[in-house]
Amino acid sequence: MSETALPPGLGILRRMSASATAELPIDWRFFLRRIIDRVVAPLLGPLLRLRIAAFALRVQAQRRAVAGLASEDIAFNLDVLRGRLSLNRPFSGAMARALALIAVLSERTVGLSPFASQIRGAAVLLSGGLAELETGAGKTLTAALAAIAAVHAGETVHLITANDYLAERDATELGPLYRASGVAVGLIVHKVPPESRGEAYACDLVYASNKEIAFDYLRDRITMGAEAGPIRLVLEPVHAARPRCRSLTMRGLPFAIVDEADSVLIDECRTPLIISADADRDPAWAHMALQLGDALADGQDYEVSAQERKVVLTADGKARLAQMGGELGGIWRNSLRREEAARQGLVARRFFLRDEHYLVRDDKVELVDEYTGRVAPDRALGEGLHQIIQAKEGVTVTGRRYTKGRITYQRFFRRYGRLAGMTGTAQEVAGELAAVYGLRVIWVRPQHRSRRRRWRTKIFGDEAAKWLRVARRAAKMVRQGRPVLIATRTIRASLAVSEALDAAGIEHVVLNAAQDEAEGKIIAEAGQAGRVTVATNMAGRGVDIKLGPGVAACGGLHVILTERHEAGRIDRQVAGRCGRQGEPGSVEAILSWEDLLVTVFGGWRGRWHYGGVHVFARAQERAERLHALARLDLLRHDHRRDEKLTFTGSVE
């Protein structure tokens, strides 16, 4: 089925923009959505927020009315409301009463009393919008309120998180609330075997990470094979159909609530999800690809674009490869094969670094997700690149792989019958979220005024001076009885910080992909007085660091950013680990001119022209612009491919 038309049923603003842009080319769609966002949204946005605020007041009034009911009576009242609730009427009196009943149950079962801001956030989700809530505003409970109400309105809900840790944590911590509400909860994480997933998807509410649920969908599409032909795709869309094949895992794509929506729907959309299978097991070509690349001279035989992570062969380089191919014979006489192999060998050498982009353990190369900082099990780079990296690291070279199925996040999430989301950082990409997914970003006023203090950024000439400053700052905070979170981008950087702290005699723990098994324990202790935690993005989005006794009086958690990310939103997310829900906290950035963001996207000329932190801001702007163009290019390619699939009936 063509994905040109955006999914229906997501509110009046979404329908307006969808109808205005559905038939336009994707470039014009982005342009028109910007006009709508700048002209229409300023007029209708405040009216919608007023309506949501009025609805939240009705919910609070209902809470007071039902507060005296016994828990059994509350559950009974929820059951009675099932036939009256509808997501097509998210602000009805029945929905207000349902949310009030759920809020009272939450306080009794898990000890969490929803704030007015969380009620407003739940209303945004039920109306099919994207709620922008302050970091630390309690998005976990916000999503639970909306999910339970949606289940009682007759919808199956997929609550999608940014990683397995958050999915398992939230499903466990809120389990008593779901059981008291009569909602069956399933959990999909990497360790859940395929044979058990069908049972989980049959539940009313399914917690899952974005990658696991998208890959499950793609596996089902591959299993359907010829059944997913053009006629069936038109007459019986997959997201609305009950699978007839027992081997299928999922039960359609009903209503998705996406946590950390900007990460899932924007940051991770530069590359498609691919399922592949072994094509051959001859490792010799991978070693030869490295040799071909190593034989070429930088600047003469090839040119490198660090920003685009691309290698381009020059005429001299191609001539040099042709000479080598003639000597080697066989497949290396083919110009396309030897040039592609040499390019991939150079990419493996220049752009994929151990302890930054991947780990090597147990005779395997394991990729590290750049956004979550976690190992991505069973994922592999395509087009032979993974095998070349294996050869580079001296581990067993697996077979080259061919693509069995492919899907982008844009295509996948637009197939949901209903879509909503929440995050603390969405305004910067509001136009893209609206243009691609039809999601209107609605800011939700926080319950508490932020007490987070931002200290002045320090920039040093080299990394050695930076790490020394980080160690001294951590030592000062420890003497004050405050916990410290030192945030790094890569495993390599976290190890460098650890060495500097060891040299200064500062006790600390390190959380990165190599210590992922101890994640829960490290996070649980990160808010204790005098605790120093060095962490990659594993301690970023969604992580709630609870302050220990007496810490708030000392100033709360102190966060040190040791690098800027390529998207400013990720920096804001890391900073959001402190000063949560009105607690005190502080954050500072300690940077160096050797940081990757500046060396790749900044440029030395910019340092003298703009000076100081402006160089980093300009570099971030360049990086974000390039990434946005990459996502747009992928979306264009997806639309062209979609048109072909519509007529051929091929699997994704």
Foldseek 3Di string as FASTA:
>chain_A
DFLLQFFDQQADLLVVLRVVRSPPALVVLLVVLVVCCVPVCVPCQVVVLVLLLVLLVLLVVLLVVCLPPDLVVLLVLLLVLLVVDALSCLSDSSNSNLLSSLQSLCCVFLNDRQDSLLSSLLSCQSSQFAEAEAQQQCVLVSVVSNLLSVLSPVWQEEEEEAALVLLVVSCVSCVRSCVSNVFFAAEDHPPDDQVCQLVRQVTSYYYYYPVRVVVLVQVLLLVCFLVLFLVCCVPPNQQRDADPDPSRRHGHFAEYEYEQCCCLVAVQQLDWDFDKDFDDFDLPLLLVLLVLLVVDDEPPQWDAQLLVLFIGGDPVVLVVQCVVLVVVDDPSNDSVSNVVSNRLSVSLVPPDDEQFQWHADPLATWGADQQQLATDPPDADAPCSRQNNSVVVVGRRGGHIDTSAIDGSLVVQSRYSGYYYYYNDPPVPQSVCCSRNVHHYRYRDRPADFQEAEDEAAEAADVVVLLLVVLVVLVVQLVLQWFEEEEDRGSVVLVVNVVNNVVVVQDAEEDGNVPPVCLVVCQACRQGTSYYYYYYSNCFPPRARDHDPPNLVSFGYEYEYAAQDLANVRVSRRSSNTRRPNGGYYYYYRYYCPGPLCVNQQDPVNCVVPHDCVSSVNSSVRSVVVSVVSSVVVVSVVSVVSVVCSNGSGRD
